[in-house]
Amino acid sequence: MEPQQITSNQSQQIPPQDQLQPGPPQQPKKMRGKKALIIVGCIIGGFLVLWLILRLVVQVTMNPDNPTSSLFYSTLQNAAQQTRVRMAHYQVQYKSEDDQKANKIDSLDESLAEFDTKSKQYSSVFVYGDTISPLAERCVKNQIYTFETYNVTSFQQAEDALKKPAHPAAPDPSDSQFGPCLYNSPFRPGKLTDGIIPIGFTAQQAESWITALKNIDLLKLKDEGTTTYKGKTGRKISFTLNQVQGSQGTTDLFFYAQRDGTSKTTGANNKDPMHYDRILDPGSGTNLKGFYIIDEANKLPMYSEFQSISVPDIDYEPLSTKQNYTFNADFVITPTTQLEKL
């Protein structure tokens, strides 16, 4: 019998050799679905972790209840309620940034002032004015002590005038609104507040003021750690001003917060200008940066420095201040007390 021939059609039905080898096992459709869900879940989880980290960062820097903000605002609120304060203050202003770089001073105010909001006892020693004719005077328990300063043409000469014998003179009753030794004079040269913290507020006023500051989120705070001031350790917290309702926050907002508080009514929180010195908000106000050194045990400020920053389209004259604070201590100003250098 002749061998059977394989036709071309039959040869095409035999699979190639490599197709005869077993292939990789096929994954069930359910297994492939689970792996896809795991990948998607990891991606979503990563985004959630990133979101939580960013939210934590925002809370640390802006949340008024984080430790830094809590200490800062508690200190301001506590200080505003003090009724017996002594503050040394230094304030220098320039006409322009170029003048500031050249240290060409336009005006200067130096003072050591103390005040009891209950007894209305006020004392101060101060040098203030421009470089042409600065003045030096002293108040002791609401009594004015005048000095011969008509030949004074520099701040150093004005300071030296304080070292000369003084001639006491009673305040002029006709000058009851603007006298330099009257605690409620809106133009008193001796500064009792730093332009941020008022004095002599009730608990309700202080709470309304702080709540107003928090509501507009004016201050961006940073914990700078501990530092030493006059041999005492304190917590240094620096600040800058945030955007408020889409615009750069300015120093005049401190005034409105203490005056109106959480109310939209003018003067609803405080109508007495005695409680506040408008140091930082000339005209429409400026941006500001600075720091406080805080006594953490008593939650009271020890020392601070502020520096104004220009804001576009707002008139700007550079201003720097320094101040230290003493609360509830014996008053020290006498007819021979000198300025406290900062």
C-alpha atoms as a PDB file:
ATOM      1  CA  MET A   1       0.000   0.000   0.000  1.00  0.00           C
ATOM      2  CA  GLU A   2       1.355   3.362  -0.970  1.00  0.00           C
ATOM      3  CA  PRO A   3       1.780   5.879   1.838  1.00  0.00           C
ATOM      4  CA  GLN A   4      -1.012   8.421   2.192  1.00  0.00           C
ATOM      5  CA  GLN A   5      -0.039  11.880   1.052  1.00  0.00           C
ATOM      6  CA  ILE A   6      -0.752  14.903   3.201  1.00  0.00           C
ATOM      7  CA  THR A   7      -2.512  17.587   1.305  1.00  0.00           C
ATOM      8  CA  SER A   8      -1.764  21.293   1.653  1.00  0.00           C
ATOM      9  CA  ASN A   9      -5.088  21.843   3.412  1.00  0.00           C
ATOM     10  CA  GLN A  10      -4.152  19.281   6.029  1.00  0.00           C
ATOM     11  CA  SER A  11      -0.720  20.827   6.598  1.00  0.00           C
ATOM     12  CA  GLN A  12      -2.305  24.213   7.338  1.00  0.00           C
ATOM     13  CA  GLN A  13      -4.457  22.664  10.055  1.00  0.00           C
ATOM     14  CA  ILE A  14      -1.368  21.598  12.088  1.00  0.00           C
ATOM     15  CA  PRO A  15      -0.353  24.488  14.425  1.00  0.00           C
ATOM     16  CA  PRO A  16       3.254  25.670  14.438  1.00  0.00           C
ATOM     17  CA  GLN A  17       5.580  24.203  17.031  1.00  0.00           C
ATOM     18  CA  ASP A  18       5.645  27.306  19.280  1.00  0.00           C
ATOM     19  CA  GLN A  19       1.889  27.366  19.465  1.00  0.00           C
ATOM     20  CA  LEU A  20       1.945  23.808  20.746  1.00  0.00           C
ATOM     21  CA  GLN A  21       3.769  25.027  23.970  1.00  0.00           C
ATOM     22  CA  PRO A  22       1.541  25.850  26.971  1.00  0.00           C
ATOM     23  CA  GLY A  23       0.957  29.654  27.440  1.00  0.00           C
ATOM     24  CA  PRO A  24       0.961  31.632  30.742  1.00  0.00           C
ATOM     25  CA  PRO A  25      -2.063  31.039  32.899  1.00  0.00           C
ATOM     26  CA  GLN A  26      -4.798  33.609  32.323  1.00  0.00           C
ATOM     27  CA  GLN A  27      -5.763  35.724  35.402  1.00  0.00           C
ATOM     28  CA  PRO A  28      -9.379  35.626  36.343  1.00  0.00           C
ATOM     29  CA  LYS A  29     -11.209  38.839  35.531  1.00  0.00           C
ATOM     30  CA  LYS A  30     -11.959  39.384  39.232  1.00  0.00           C
ATOM     31  CA  MET A  31      -8.237  39.322  40.121  1.00  0.00           C
ATOM     32  CA  ARG A  32      -7.421  41.921  37.466  1.00  0.00           C
ATOM     33  CA  GLY A  33     -10.209  44.164  38.837  1.00  0.00           C
ATOM     34  CA  LYS A  34      -8.862  43.932  42.390  1.00  0.00           C
ATOM     35  CA  LYS A  35      -5.363  44.974  41.299  1.00  0.00           C
ATOM     36  CA  ALA A  36      -6.760  47.994  39.475  1.00  0.00           C
ATOM     37  CA  LEU A  37      -8.736  48.981  42.581  1.00  0.00           C
ATOM     38  CA  ILE A  38      -5.576  48.720  44.703  1.00  0.00           C
ATOM     39  CA  ILE A  39      -3.661  51.007  42.331  1.00  0.00           C
ATOM     40  CA  VAL A  40      -6.482  53.550  42.265  1.00  0.00           C
ATOM     41  CA  GLY A  41      -6.753  53.348  46.054  1.00  0.00           C
ATOM     42  CA  CYS A  42      -3.027  54.020  46.453  1.00  0.00           C
ATOM     43  CA  ILE A  43      -3.271  57.083  44.221  1.00  0.00           C
ATOM     44  CA  ILE A  44      -6.275  58.435  46.110  1.00  0.00           C
ATOM     45  CA  GLY A  45      -4.578  57.677  49.429  1.00  0.00           C
ATOM     46  CA  GLY A  46      -1.484  59.572  48.340  1.00  0.00           C
ATOM     47  CA  PHE A  47      -3.559  62.610  47.481  1.00  0.00           C
ATOM     48  CA  LEU A  48      -5.338  62.384  50.850  1.00  0.00           C
ATOM     49  CA  VAL A  49      -2.028  62.243  52.744  1.00  0.00           C
ATOM     50  CA  LEU A  50      -0.732  65.250  50.782  1.00  0.00           C
ATOM     51  CA  TRP A  51      -3.970  67.144  51.486  1.00  0.00           C
ATOM     52  CA  LEU A  52      -3.725  66.380  55.208  1.00  0.00           C
ATOM     53  CA  ILE A  53      -0.110  67.571  55.322  1.00  0.00           C
ATOM     54  CA  LEU A  54      -0.987  70.829  53.559  1.00  0.00           C
ATOM     55  CA  ARG A  55      -3.969  71.338  55.859  1.00  0.00           C
ATOM     56  CA  LEU A  56      -1.759  70.775  58.904  1.00  0.00           C
ATOM     57  CA  VAL A  57       0.726  73.358  57.641  1.00  0.00           C
ATOM     58  CA  VAL A  58      -2.076  75.874  57.134  1.00  0.00           C
ATOM     59  CA  GLN A  59      -3.466  75.161  60.601  1.00  0.00           C
ATOM     60  CA  VAL A  60      -0.068  75.617  62.239  1.00  0.00           C
ATOM     61  CA  THR A  61       0.496  78.984  60.570  1.00  0.00           C
ATOM     62  CA  MET A  62      -3.038  80.408  60.599  1.00  0.00           C
ATOM     63  CA  ASN A  63      -5.204  78.556  63.104  1.00  0.00           C
ATOM     64  CA  PRO A  64      -5.805  80.876  66.081  1.00  0.00           C
ATOM     65  CA  ASP A  65      -5.941  77.822  68.351  1.00  0.00           C
ATOM     66  CA  ASN A  66      -2.453  76.420  67.698  1.00  0.00           C
ATOM     67  CA  PRO A  67       0.084  76.851  70.556  1.00  0.00           C
ATOM     68  CA  THR A  68       1.859  79.857  69.027  1.00  0.00           C
ATOM     69  CA  SER A  69      -1.364  81.724  68.254  1.00  0.00           C
ATOM     70  CA  SER A  70      -2.863  80.742  71.588  1.00  0.00           C
ATOM     71  CA  LEU A  71       0.096  82.200  73.513  1.00  0.00           C
ATOM     72  CA  PHE A  72       0.249  85.306  71.343  1.00  0.00           C
ATOM     73  CA  TYR A  73      -3.431  86.244  71.511  1.00  0.00           C
ATOM     74  CA  SER A  74      -3.726  85.318  75.188  1.00  0.00           C
ATOM     75  CA  THR A  75      -0.810  87.649  75.894  1.00  0.00           C
ATOM     76  CA  LEU A  76      -2.389  90.532  73.987  1.00  0.00           C
ATOM     77  CA  GLN A  77      -5.755  89.958  75.645  1.00  0.00           C
ATOM     78  CA  ASN A  78      -4.210  89.772  79.105  1.00  0.00           C
ATOM     79  CA  ALA A  79      -2.016  92.857  78.592  1.00  0.00           C
ATOM     80  CA  ALA A  80      -4.975  94.941  77.407  1.00  0.00           C
ATOM     81  CA  GLN A  81      -6.692  94.380  80.768  1.00  0.00           C
ATOM     82  CA  GLN A  82      -3.778  95.629  82.871  1.00  0.00           C
ATOM     83  CA  THR A  83      -4.567  98.772  84.846  1.00  0.00           C
ATOM     84  CA  ARG A  84      -1.068  99.733  85.983  1.00  0.00           C
ATOM     85  CA  VAL A  85       1.560  99.948  83.268  1.00  0.00           C
ATOM     86  CA  ARG A  86       5.010 101.426  82.701  1.00  0.00           C
ATOM     87  CA  MET A  87       6.376 101.497  79.149  1.00  0.00           C
ATOM     88  CA  ALA A  88       9.619 102.757  77.663  1.00  0.00           C
ATOM     89  CA  HIS A  89       9.138 103.716  74.022  1.00  0.00           C
ATOM     90  CA  TYR A  90      11.420 104.717  71.139  1.00  0.00           C
ATOM     91  CA  GLN A  91      10.008 105.859  67.810  1.00  0.00           C
ATOM     92  CA  VAL A  92      11.894 107.181  64.796  1.00  0.00           C
ATOM     93  CA  GLN A  93      10.358 108.275  61.488  1.00  0.00           C
ATOM     94  CA  TYR A  94      11.830 109.217  58.099  1.00  0.00           C
ATOM     95  CA  LYS A  95      10.392 111.054  55.121  1.00  0.00           C
ATOM     96  CA  SER A  96      11.498 108.384  52.634  1.00  0.00           C
ATOM     97  CA  GLU A  97      13.287 105.068  52.325  1.00  0.00           C
ATOM     98  CA  ASP A  98      16.359 106.897  50.996  1.00  0.00           C
ATOM     99  CA  ASP A  99      16.380 109.049  54.133  1.00  0.00           C
ATOM    100  CA  GLN A 100      16.046 105.924  56.233  1.00  0.00           C
ATOM    101  CA  LYS A 101      19.078 104.341  54.543  1.00  0.00           C
ATOM    102  CA  ALA A 102      21.022 107.541  55.145  1.00  0.00           C
ATOM    103  CA  ASN A 103      19.702 107.739  58.750  1.00  0.00           C
ATOM    104  CA  LYS A 104      18.283 111.190  58.050  1.00  0.00           C
ATOM    105  CA  ILE A 105      15.702 111.352  60.830  1.00  0.00           C
ATOM    106  CA  ASP A 106      12.585 113.453  60.337  1.00  0.00           C
ATOM    107  CA  SER A 107      11.048 113.046  63.799  1.00  0.00           C
ATOM    108  CA  LEU A 108      11.818 111.172  66.983  1.00  0.00           C
ATOM    109  CA  ASP A 109       9.870 110.315  70.128  1.00  0.00           C
ATOM    110  CA  GLU A 110      11.468 108.835  73.228  1.00  0.00           C
ATOM    111  CA  SER A 111       9.524 108.394  76.421  1.00  0.00           C
ATOM    112  CA  LEU A 112       9.254 106.548  79.688  1.00  0.00           C
ATOM    113  CA  ALA A 113       5.656 106.718  80.905  1.00  0.00           C
ATOM    114  CA  GLU A 114       3.626 105.117  83.681  1.00  0.00           C
ATOM    115  CA  PHE A 115      -0.075 105.208  84.341  1.00  0.00           C
ATOM    116  CA  ASP A 116      -2.673 103.852  86.734  1.00  0.00           C
ATOM    117  CA  THR A 117      -6.071 103.622  85.029  1.00  0.00           C
ATOM    118  CA  LYS A 118      -7.876 103.540  88.388  1.00  0.00           C
ATOM    119  CA  SER A 119      -6.247 106.501  90.163  1.00  0.00           C
ATOM    120  CA  LYS A 120      -5.544 108.354  86.871  1.00  0.00           C
ATOM    121  CA  GLN A 121      -2.004 108.998  88.117  1.00  0.00           C
ATOM    122  CA  TYR A 122       0.274 109.673  85.143  1.00  0.00           C
ATOM    123  CA  SER A 123       3.995 110.401  84.941  1.00  0.00           C
ATOM    124  CA  SER A 124       6.420 110.562  82.040  1.00  0.00           C
ATOM    125  CA  VAL A 125       9.763 111.834  80.861  1.00  0.00           C
ATOM    126  CA  PHE A 126      10.138 112.456  77.153  1.00  0.00           C
ATOM    127  CA  VAL A 127      11.993 113.981  74.218  1.00  0.00           C
ATOM    128  CA  TYR A 128      10.051 114.492  71.035  1.00  0.00           C
ATOM    129  CA  GLY A 129       9.753 116.542  67.863  1.00  0.00           C
ATOM    130  CA  ASP A 130      11.772 117.233  64.726  1.00  0.00           C
ATOM    131  CA  THR A 131      15.465 117.920  64.267  1.00  0.00           C
ATOM    132  CA  ILE A 132      14.939 121.708  64.248  1.00  0.00           C
ATOM    133  CA  SER A 133      13.477 122.210  67.720  1.00  0.00           C
ATOM    134  CA  PRO A 134      12.970 118.998  69.740  1.00  0.00           C
ATOM    135  CA  LEU A 135      11.401 119.360  73.176  1.00  0.00           C
ATOM    136  CA  ALA A 136      12.234 117.764  76.502  1.00  0.00           C
ATOM    137  CA  GLU A 137       9.785 117.675  79.401  1.00  0.00           C
ATOM    138  CA  ARG A 138       8.873 115.641  82.435  1.00  0.00           C
ATOM    139  CA  CYS A 139       5.591 114.917  84.217  1.00  0.00           C
ATOM    140  CA  VAL A 140       5.508 113.595  87.769  1.00  0.00           C
ATOM    141  CA  LYS A 141       2.107 112.585  89.115  1.00  0.00           C
ATOM    142  CA  ASN A 142       0.356 114.855  86.615  1.00  0.00           C
ATOM    143  CA  GLN A 143       2.649 117.793  87.523  1.00  0.00           C
ATOM    144  CA  ILE A 144       4.625 119.356  84.663  1.00  0.00           C
ATOM    145  CA  TYR A 145       8.342 120.074  84.902  1.00  0.00           C
ATOM    146  CA  THR A 146       9.584 122.370  82.154  1.00  0.00           C
ATOM    147  CA  PHE A 147      13.106 122.880  80.831  1.00  0.00           C
ATOM    148  CA  GLU A 148      14.910 125.621  78.993  1.00  0.00           C
ATOM    149  CA  THR A 149      15.030 124.159  75.506  1.00  0.00           C
ATOM    150  CA  TYR A 150      14.747 127.206  73.269  1.00  0.00           C
ATOM    151  CA  ASN A 151      18.388 126.813  72.148  1.00  0.00           C
ATOM    152  CA  VAL A 152      18.082 123.068  71.564  1.00  0.00           C
ATOM    153  CA  THR A 153      18.634 122.012  67.949  1.00  0.00           C
ATOM    154  CA  SER A 154      19.389 118.286  68.292  1.00  0.00           C
ATOM    155  CA  PHE A 155      17.946 115.272  70.054  1.00  0.00           C
ATOM    156  CA  GLN A 156      21.138 114.861  72.063  1.00  0.00           C
ATOM    157  CA  GLN A 157      20.825 118.425  73.363  1.00  0.00           C
ATOM    158  CA  ALA A 158      17.202 117.732  74.286  1.00  0.00           C
ATOM    159  CA  GLU A 159      18.250 114.631  76.215  1.00  0.00           C
ATOM    160  CA  ASP A 160      20.986 116.626  77.951  1.00  0.00           C
ATOM    161  CA  ALA A 161      18.381 119.208  78.983  1.00  0.00           C
ATOM    162  CA  LEU A 162      16.701 116.535  81.093  1.00  0.00           C
ATOM    163  CA  LYS A 163      19.846 116.346  83.219  1.00  0.00           C
ATOM    164  CA  LYS A 164      19.669 120.013  84.194  1.00  0.00           C
ATOM    165  CA  PRO A 165      17.763 121.294  87.248  1.00  0.00           C
ATOM    166  CA  ALA A 166      14.051 121.550  86.533  1.00  0.00           C
ATOM    167  CA  HIS A 167      11.578 124.219  87.554  1.00  0.00           C
ATOM    168  CA  PRO A 168       8.234 122.660  88.571  1.00  0.00           C
ATOM    169  CA  ALA A 169       5.091 124.323  87.339  1.00  0.00           C
ATOM    170  CA  ALA A 170       1.473 123.318  87.795  1.00  0.00           C
ATOM    171  CA  PRO A 171      -0.507 122.302  84.685  1.00  0.00           C
ATOM    172  CA  ASP A 172      -2.414 125.132  83.112  1.00  0.00           C
ATOM    173  CA  PRO A 173      -6.184 124.567  83.715  1.00  0.00           C
ATOM    174  CA  SER A 174      -6.975 126.331  80.436  1.00  0.00           C
ATOM    175  CA  ASP A 175      -4.987 123.693  78.608  1.00  0.00           C
ATOM    176  CA  SER A 176      -7.153 120.887  79.929  1.00  0.00           C
ATOM    177  CA  GLN A 177      -7.549 119.120  76.584  1.00  0.00           C
ATOM    178  CA  PHE A 178      -4.014 119.083  75.227  1.00  0.00           C
ATOM    179  CA  GLY A 179      -1.687 119.368  78.236  1.00  0.00           C
ATOM    180  CA  PRO A 180       1.337 117.036  78.079  1.00  0.00           C
ATOM    181  CA  CYS A 181       0.810 115.856  81.665  1.00  0.00           C
ATOM    182  CA  LEU A 182      -2.850 114.943  81.316  1.00  0.00           C
ATOM    183  CA  TYR A 183      -3.411 111.222  80.946  1.00  0.00           C
ATOM    184  CA  ASN A 184      -6.357 111.665  78.577  1.00  0.00           C
ATOM    185  CA  SER A 185      -4.659 114.063  76.173  1.00  0.00           C
ATOM    186  CA  PRO A 186      -4.778 112.583  72.651  1.00  0.00           C
ATOM    187  CA  PHE A 187      -1.424 114.272  71.995  1.00  0.00           C
ATOM    188  CA  ARG A 188       0.460 113.203  75.107  1.00  0.00           C
ATOM    189  CA  PRO A 189       4.146 112.717  74.226  1.00  0.00           C
ATOM    190  CA  GLY A 190       4.593 109.951  76.795  1.00  0.00           C
ATOM    191  CA  LYS A 191       3.370 106.754  75.138  1.00  0.00           C
ATOM    192  CA  LEU A 192       1.347 104.275  77.189  1.00  0.00           C
ATOM    193  CA  THR A 193       0.636 101.736  74.440  1.00  0.00           C
ATOM    194  CA  ASP A 194       2.620 100.347  71.521  1.00  0.00           C
ATOM    195  CA  GLY A 195      -0.010 101.013  68.847  1.00  0.00           C
ATOM    196  CA  ILE A 196      -1.246  97.405  68.901  1.00  0.00           C
ATOM    197  CA  ILE A 197      -2.134  96.595  72.517  1.00  0.00           C
ATOM    198  CA  PRO A 198      -4.506  99.037  74.280  1.00  0.00           C
ATOM    199  CA  ILE A 199      -4.581  99.434  78.072  1.00  0.00           C
ATOM    200  CA  GLY A 200      -7.243  99.376  80.749  1.00  0.00           C
ATOM    201  CA  PHE A 201      -9.789  97.321  78.814  1.00  0.00           C
ATOM    202  CA  THR A 202     -12.491  95.351  80.559  1.00  0.00           C
ATOM    203  CA  ALA A 203     -12.538  91.598  79.988  1.00  0.00           C
ATOM    204  CA  GLN A 204     -15.409  92.031  77.544  1.00  0.00           C
ATOM    205  CA  GLN A 205     -13.626  94.774  75.596  1.00  0.00           C
ATOM    206  CA  ALA A 206     -10.416  92.747  75.412  1.00  0.00           C
ATOM    207  CA  GLU A 207     -12.251  89.651  74.172  1.00  0.00           C
ATOM    208  CA  SER A 208     -14.151  91.633  71.533  1.00  0.00           C
ATOM    209  CA  TRP A 209     -10.920  93.254  70.333  1.00  0.00           C
ATOM    210  CA  ILE A 210      -9.028  89.954  70.049  1.00  0.00           C
ATOM    211  CA  THR A 211     -11.976  88.255  68.336  1.00  0.00           C
ATOM    212  CA  ALA A 212     -12.055  91.084  65.791  1.00  0.00           C
ATOM    213  CA  LEU A 213      -8.343  90.604  65.022  1.00  0.00           C
ATOM    214  CA  LYS A 214      -8.839  86.856  64.621  1.00  0.00           C
ATOM    215  CA  ASN A 215     -11.903  87.289  62.420  1.00  0.00           C
ATOM    216  CA  ILE A 216     -10.012  89.334  59.834  1.00  0.00           C
ATOM    217  CA  ASP A 217      -6.931  87.071  60.155  1.00  0.00           C
ATOM    218  CA  LEU A 218      -4.670  90.128  60.165  1.00  0.00           C
ATOM    219  CA  LEU A 219      -1.581  88.565  61.742  1.00  0.00           C
ATOM    220  CA  LYS A 220       0.634  85.803  60.391  1.00  0.00           C
ATOM    221  CA  LEU A 221       2.662  84.484  63.344  1.00  0.00           C
ATOM    222  CA  LYS A 222       5.934  82.572  63.660  1.00  0.00           C
ATOM    223  CA  ASP A 223       7.490  81.043  66.777  1.00  0.00           C
ATOM    224  CA  GLU A 224      11.153  82.106  66.875  1.00  0.00           C
ATOM    225  CA  GLY A 225      11.989  80.072  69.990  1.00  0.00           C
ATOM    226  CA  THR A 226      13.213  81.368  73.338  1.00  0.00           C
ATOM    227  CA  THR A 227      15.466  84.367  73.824  1.00  0.00           C
ATOM    228  CA  THR A 228      16.762  86.450  76.724  1.00  0.00           C
ATOM    229  CA  TYR A 229      15.836  90.048  77.498  1.00  0.00           C
ATOM    230  CA  LYS A 230      17.443  91.773  80.496  1.00  0.00           C
ATOM    231  CA  GLY A 231      18.427  88.434  81.946  1.00  0.00           C
ATOM    232  CA  LYS A 232      14.960  86.918  81.687  1.00  0.00           C
ATOM    233  CA  THR A 233      13.973  84.208  79.221  1.00  0.00           C
ATOM    234  CA  GLY A 234      10.962  84.792  77.019  1.00  0.00           C
ATOM    235  CA  ARG A 235       9.270  83.396  73.919  1.00  0.00           C
ATOM    236  CA  LYS A 236       9.910  85.399  70.739  1.00  0.00           C
ATOM    237  CA  ILE A 237       6.963  85.462  68.314  1.00  0.00           C
ATOM    238  CA  SER A 238       7.371  87.424  65.094  1.00  0.00           C
ATOM    239  CA  PHE A 239       4.570  88.581  62.828  1.00  0.00           C
ATOM    240  CA  THR A 240       3.710  90.060  59.462  1.00  0.00           C
ATOM    241  CA  LEU A 241       0.347  91.265  58.150  1.00  0.00           C
ATOM    242  CA  ASN A 242      -1.808  88.994  55.972  1.00  0.00           C
ATOM    243  CA  GLN A 243      -4.035  89.867  53.053  1.00  0.00           C
ATOM    244  CA  VAL A 244      -7.446  91.018  54.281  1.00  0.00           C
ATOM    245  CA  GLN A 245     -10.399  90.697  51.881  1.00  0.00           C
ATOM    246  CA  GLY A 246      -8.045  90.564  48.900  1.00  0.00           C
ATOM    247  CA  SER A 247      -5.896  93.558  49.864  1.00  0.00           C
ATOM    248  CA  GLN A 248      -2.743  93.910  51.918  1.00  0.00           C
ATOM    249  CA  GLY A 249      -3.597  94.302  55.587  1.00  0.00           C
ATOM    250  CA  THR A 250      -2.470  97.638  57.051  1.00  0.00           C
ATOM    251  CA  THR A 251      -1.782  99.066  60.493  1.00  0.00           C
ATOM    252  CA  ASP A 252      -4.975 101.134  60.664  1.00  0.00           C
ATOM    253  CA  LEU A 253      -6.879  97.862  61.141  1.00  0.00           C
ATOM    254  CA  PHE A 254      -5.404  97.618  64.653  1.00  0.00           C
ATOM    255  CA  PHE A 255      -7.159 100.882  65.508  1.00  0.00           C
ATOM    256  CA  TYR A 256     -10.522  99.807  64.089  1.00  0.00           C
ATOM    257  CA  ALA A 257     -10.328  96.457  65.897  1.00  0.00           C
ATOM    258  CA  GLN A 258      -9.762  98.030  69.327  1.00  0.00           C
ATOM    259  CA  ARG A 259     -12.303 100.805  68.708  1.00  0.00           C
ATOM    260  CA  ASP A 260     -15.183  98.790  67.219  1.00  0.00           C
ATOM    261  CA  GLY A 261     -14.399  95.205  68.255  1.00  0.00           C
ATOM    262  CA  THR A 262     -16.667  92.622  66.665  1.00  0.00           C
ATOM    263  CA  SER A 263     -19.411  95.199  66.120  1.00  0.00           C
ATOM    264  CA  LYS A 264     -19.770  97.138  62.889  1.00  0.00           C
ATOM    265  CA  THR A 265     -20.744 100.205  64.891  1.00  0.00           C
ATOM    266  CA  THR A 266     -18.129 102.934  65.274  1.00  0.00           C
ATOM    267  CA  GLY A 267     -16.879 103.089  68.849  1.00  0.00           C
ATOM    268  CA  ALA A 268     -18.967 100.131  69.988  1.00  0.00           C
ATOM    269  CA  ASN A 269     -16.024  98.595  71.844  1.00  0.00           C
ATOM    270  CA  ASN A 270     -14.063 101.652  72.995  1.00  0.00           C
ATOM    271  CA  LYS A 271     -14.776 105.384  72.768  1.00  0.00           C
ATOM    272  CA  ASP A 272     -11.973 106.586  75.048  1.00  0.00           C
ATOM    273  CA  PRO A 273      -8.784 107.567  73.116  1.00  0.00           C
ATOM    274  CA  MET A 274      -6.842 107.341  76.370  1.00  0.00           C
ATOM    275  CA  HIS A 275      -6.714 103.560  75.972  1.00  0.00           C
ATOM    276  CA  TYR A 276      -4.775 103.644  72.721  1.00  0.00           C
ATOM    277  CA  ASP A 277      -1.878 105.540  71.091  1.00  0.00           C
ATOM    278  CA  ARG A 278      -2.164 105.789  67.309  1.00  0.00           C
ATOM    279  CA  ILE A 279       1.527 105.259  66.662  1.00  0.00           C
ATOM    280  CA  LEU A 280       1.495 102.878  63.715  1.00  0.00           C
ATOM    281  CA  ASP A 281      -1.330 104.088  61.496  1.00  0.00           C
ATOM    282  CA  PRO A 282      -0.630 107.558  60.088  1.00  0.00           C
ATOM    283  CA  GLY A 283      -2.945 108.335  57.178  1.00  0.00           C
ATOM    284  CA  SER A 284      -4.261 105.137  55.629  1.00  0.00           C
ATOM    285  CA  GLY A 285      -1.788 102.898  57.413  1.00  0.00           C
ATOM    286  CA  THR A 286       1.116 100.772  56.193  1.00  0.00           C
ATOM    287  CA  ASN A 287       2.165  97.157  56.212  1.00  0.00           C
ATOM    288  CA  LEU A 288       4.073  96.051  59.298  1.00  0.00           C
ATOM    289  CA  LYS A 289       6.484  93.442  60.580  1.00  0.00           C
ATOM    290  CA  GLY A 290       7.839  92.944  64.071  1.00  0.00           C
ATOM    291  CA  PHE A 291       8.081  90.697  67.104  1.00  0.00           C
ATOM    292  CA  TYR A 292       7.153  90.382  70.761  1.00  0.00           C
ATOM    293  CA  ILE A 293       9.202  88.733  73.498  1.00  0.00           C
ATOM    294  CA  ILE A 294       6.655  87.199  75.860  1.00  0.00           C
ATOM    295  CA  ASP A 295       6.856  86.180  79.506  1.00  0.00           C
ATOM    296  CA  GLU A 296       5.198  82.775  79.122  1.00  0.00           C
ATOM    297  CA  ALA A 297       4.541  82.312  82.836  1.00  0.00           C
ATOM    298  CA  ASN A 298       2.543  85.529  83.182  1.00  0.00           C
ATOM    299  CA  LYS A 299       1.444  85.818  79.535  1.00  0.00           C
ATOM    300  CA  LEU A 300       2.567  89.433  79.301  1.00  0.00           C
ATOM    301  CA  PRO A 301       4.863  91.157  76.797  1.00  0.00           C
ATOM    302  CA  MET A 302       8.399  92.015  77.908  1.00  0.00           C
ATOM    303  CA  TYR A 303       9.759  93.749  74.804  1.00  0.00           C
ATOM    304  CA  SER A 304       8.825  94.387  71.166  1.00  0.00           C
ATOM    305  CA  GLU A 305      10.062  95.952  67.950  1.00  0.00           C
ATOM    306  CA  PHE A 306       7.988  97.024  64.918  1.00  0.00           C
ATOM    307  CA  GLN A 307       8.930  98.290  61.479  1.00  0.00           C
ATOM    308  CA  SER A 308       6.538  99.679  58.882  1.00  0.00           C
ATOM    309  CA  ILE A 309       6.618  98.451  55.274  1.00  0.00           C
ATOM    310  CA  SER A 310       5.400 100.335  52.224  1.00  0.00           C
ATOM    311  CA  VAL A 311       2.099  99.450  50.556  1.00  0.00           C
ATOM    312  CA  PRO A 312       1.557 100.327  46.850  1.00  0.00           C
ATOM    313  CA  ASP A 313      -0.523 103.483  46.255  1.00  0.00           C
ATOM    314  CA  ILE A 314      -0.408 104.503  49.939  1.00  0.00           C
ATOM    315  CA  ASP A 315       1.698 107.407  51.217  1.00  0.00           C
ATOM    316  CA  TYR A 316       4.590 105.945  53.151  1.00  0.00           C
ATOM    317  CA  GLU A 317       7.068 107.333  55.665  1.00  0.00           C
ATOM    318  CA  PRO A 318       9.277 104.622  57.207  1.00  0.00           C
ATOM    319  CA  LEU A 319       8.694 104.160  60.923  1.00  0.00           C
ATOM    320  CA  SER A 320      10.475 101.987  63.505  1.00  0.00           C
ATOM    321  CA  THR A 321       9.627 101.505  67.171  1.00  0.00           C
ATOM    322  CA  LYS A 322      11.015  99.712  70.210  1.00  0.00           C
ATOM    323  CA  GLN A 323       9.326  99.314  73.569  1.00  0.00           C
ATOM    324  CA  ASN A 324       9.563  97.404  76.825  1.00  0.00           C
ATOM    325  CA  TYR A 325       6.755  96.792  79.296  1.00  0.00           C
ATOM    326  CA  THR A 326       6.407  96.568  83.063  1.00  0.00           C
ATOM    327  CA  PHE A 327       3.042  95.760  84.626  1.00  0.00           C
ATOM    328  CA  ASN A 328       1.818  96.149  88.203  1.00  0.00           C
ATOM    329  CA  ALA A 329       5.187  97.358  89.518  1.00  0.00           C
ATOM    330  CA  ASP A 330       5.907 100.374  91.710  1.00  0.00           C
ATOM    331  CA  PHE A 331       6.133 103.598  89.729  1.00  0.00           C
ATOM    332  CA  VAL A 332       9.636 105.029  89.463  1.00  0.00           C
ATOM    333  CA  ILE A 333       9.470 108.437  87.744  1.00  0.00           C
ATOM    334  CA  THR A 334      10.719 111.347  89.854  1.00  0.00           C
ATOM    335  CA  PRO A 335      11.798 114.929  89.009  1.00  0.00           C
ATOM    336  CA  THR A 336      15.260 113.553  88.115  1.00  0.00           C
ATOM    337  CA  THR A 337      14.352 110.382  86.174  1.00  0.00           C
ATOM    338  CA  GLN A 338      16.136 109.983  82.833  1.00  0.00           C
ATOM    339  CA  LEU A 339      15.031 108.244  79.652  1.00  0.00           C
ATOM    340  CA  GLU A 340      15.471 104.507  79.438  1.00  0.00           C
ATOM    341  CA  LYS A 341      17.625 103.640  76.423  1.00  0.00           C
ATOM    342  CA  LEU A 342      16.285 100.884  74.174  1.00  0.00           C
END
